[in-house]
């Protein structure tokens, strides 16, 4: 995983990019306490929330080639090799 800082708030997370659509994010601190976007109350408590500023930061870094796609793969239960 690679450390990335959000360009909006400076919050640091660990990321791994598996494809253009799939990014794994590991927060280093409580996301709702350190991210201004996630700290705002939600109208829908069941909605999956994410930070658009952090997402844009990661996508910009990937587009610039600063974040490479991971070549790591994991076995899928029940599949034959």
C-alpha atoms as a PDB file:
ATOM      1  CA  UNK A   1       0.000   0.000   0.000  1.00  0.00           C
ATOM      2  CA  UNK A   2       1.115   3.538  -0.721  1.00  0.00           C
ATOM      3  CA  UNK A   3       0.565   6.575   1.505  1.00  0.00           C
ATOM      4  CA  UNK A   4      -1.408   9.437  -0.059  1.00  0.00           C
ATOM      5  CA  UNK A   5      -2.410  12.822   1.365  1.00  0.00           C
ATOM      6  CA  UNK A   6      -5.725  14.397   0.362  1.00  0.00           C
ATOM      7  CA  UNK A   7      -5.141  17.647  -1.511  1.00  0.00           C
ATOM      8  CA  UNK A   8      -8.187  19.208   0.152  1.00  0.00           C
ATOM      9  CA  UNK A   9      -7.607  18.529   3.846  1.00  0.00           C
ATOM     10  CA  UNK A  10      -4.172  16.859   4.032  1.00  0.00           C
ATOM     11  CA  UNK A  11      -5.519  13.700   5.657  1.00  0.00           C
ATOM     12  CA  UNK A  12      -3.238  10.695   5.061  1.00  0.00           C
ATOM     13  CA  UNK A  13      -4.488   7.277   3.964  1.00  0.00           C
ATOM     14  CA  UNK A  14      -2.951   4.114   2.547  1.00  0.00           C
ATOM     15  CA  UNK A  15      -4.156   3.097  -0.899  1.00  0.00           C
ATOM     16  CA  UNK A  16      -3.734   0.291  -3.386  1.00  0.00           C
ATOM     17  CA  UNK A  17      -5.116   0.657  -6.910  1.00  0.00           C
ATOM     18  CA  UNK A  18      -6.234  -2.583  -8.599  1.00  0.00           C
ATOM     19  CA  UNK A  19      -7.935  -1.007 -11.631  1.00  0.00           C
ATOM     20  CA  UNK A  20      -9.349   2.335 -12.715  1.00  0.00           C
ATOM     21  CA  UNK A  21     -12.558   1.483 -10.888  1.00  0.00           C
ATOM     22  CA  UNK A  22     -11.175  -0.409  -7.866  1.00  0.00           C
ATOM     23  CA  UNK A  23      -9.133   1.300  -5.169  1.00  0.00           C
ATOM     24  CA  UNK A  24      -8.567  -0.013  -1.661  1.00  0.00           C
ATOM     25  CA  UNK A  25      -8.323   2.731   0.989  1.00  0.00           C
ATOM     26  CA  UNK A  26      -7.110   2.192   4.542  1.00  0.00           C
ATOM     27  CA  UNK A  27      -7.700   5.136   6.854  1.00  0.00           C
ATOM     28  CA  UNK A  28      -4.900   5.785   9.343  1.00  0.00           C
ATOM     29  CA  UNK A  29      -7.234   7.594  11.745  1.00  0.00           C
ATOM     30  CA  UNK A  30     -11.000   7.674  12.358  1.00  0.00           C
ATOM     31  CA  UNK A  31     -12.307   8.886   8.989  1.00  0.00           C
ATOM     32  CA  UNK A  32     -15.273  10.777  10.425  1.00  0.00           C
ATOM     33  CA  UNK A  33     -12.991  12.738  12.753  1.00  0.00           C
ATOM     34  CA  UNK A  34     -10.239  13.656  10.265  1.00  0.00           C
ATOM     35  CA  UNK A  35     -12.189  14.100   7.012  1.00  0.00           C
ATOM     36  CA  UNK A  36     -14.336  17.252   6.748  1.00  0.00           C
ATOM     37  CA  UNK A  37     -16.539  15.657   4.076  1.00  0.00           C
ATOM     38  CA  UNK A  38     -17.245  12.517   6.103  1.00  0.00           C
ATOM     39  CA  UNK A  39     -17.736  14.516   9.311  1.00  0.00           C
ATOM     40  CA  UNK A  40     -20.872  16.156   7.883  1.00  0.00           C
ATOM     41  CA  UNK A  41     -24.111  14.484   8.969  1.00  0.00           C
ATOM     42  CA  UNK A  42     -25.764  12.275   6.365  1.00  0.00           C
ATOM     43  CA  UNK A  43     -29.466  12.281   5.523  1.00  0.00           C
ATOM     44  CA  UNK A  44     -29.282   8.537   4.906  1.00  0.00           C
ATOM     45  CA  UNK A  45     -27.517   6.597   7.674  1.00  0.00           C
ATOM     46  CA  UNK A  46     -27.438   3.470   5.446  1.00  0.00           C
ATOM     47  CA  UNK A  47     -25.738   5.077   2.452  1.00  0.00           C
ATOM     48  CA  UNK A  48     -22.148   4.114   1.717  1.00  0.00           C
ATOM     49  CA  UNK A  49     -20.156   7.296   2.180  1.00  0.00           C
ATOM     50  CA  UNK A  50     -16.916   8.339   0.571  1.00  0.00           C
ATOM     51  CA  UNK A  51     -14.843  11.483   0.242  1.00  0.00           C
ATOM     52  CA  UNK A  52     -15.004  12.966  -3.260  1.00  0.00           C
ATOM     53  CA  UNK A  53     -11.907  15.120  -2.582  1.00  0.00           C
ATOM     54  CA  UNK A  54      -9.818  12.094  -1.616  1.00  0.00           C
ATOM     55  CA  UNK A  55     -11.188  10.117  -4.567  1.00  0.00           C
ATOM     56  CA  UNK A  56     -10.209  12.947  -6.940  1.00  0.00           C
ATOM     57  CA  UNK A  57      -6.731  13.174  -5.393  1.00  0.00           C
ATOM     58  CA  UNK A  58      -6.189   9.431  -5.933  1.00  0.00           C
ATOM     59  CA  UNK A  59      -7.545   9.538  -9.489  1.00  0.00           C
ATOM     60  CA  UNK A  60      -5.345  12.537 -10.364  1.00  0.00           C
ATOM     61  CA  UNK A  61      -2.267  10.739  -9.015  1.00  0.00           C
ATOM     62  CA  UNK A  62      -3.154   7.596 -10.983  1.00  0.00           C
ATOM     63  CA  UNK A  63      -3.722   9.619 -14.177  1.00  0.00           C
ATOM     64  CA  UNK A  64      -0.327  11.285 -13.709  1.00  0.00           C
ATOM     65  CA  UNK A  65       1.358   7.891 -13.245  1.00  0.00           C
ATOM     66  CA  UNK A  66       2.272   8.598  -9.618  1.00  0.00           C
ATOM     67  CA  UNK A  67       0.152   5.640  -8.440  1.00  0.00           C
ATOM     68  CA  UNK A  68       0.632   2.366 -10.277  1.00  0.00           C
ATOM     69  CA  UNK A  69      -1.887  -0.425 -10.600  1.00  0.00           C
ATOM     70  CA  UNK A  70      -1.225  -3.291  -8.225  1.00  0.00           C
ATOM     71  CA  UNK A  71      -0.315  -6.604  -9.798  1.00  0.00           C
ATOM     72  CA  UNK A  72      -1.163  -8.465  -6.614  1.00  0.00           C
ATOM     73  CA  UNK A  73      -3.973 -10.978  -6.927  1.00  0.00           C
ATOM     74  CA  UNK A  74      -5.708 -13.194  -4.430  1.00  0.00           C
ATOM     75  CA  UNK A  75      -7.173 -16.663  -4.958  1.00  0.00           C
ATOM     76  CA  UNK A  76     -10.937 -16.818  -5.306  1.00  0.00           C
ATOM     77  CA  UNK A  77     -12.562 -19.457  -3.071  1.00  0.00           C
ATOM     78  CA  UNK A  78     -13.957 -22.324  -5.115  1.00  0.00           C
ATOM     79  CA  UNK A  79     -11.982 -21.596  -8.262  1.00  0.00           C
ATOM     80  CA  UNK A  80      -9.638 -24.143  -9.785  1.00  0.00           C
ATOM     81  CA  UNK A  81      -6.056 -23.335 -10.737  1.00  0.00           C
END
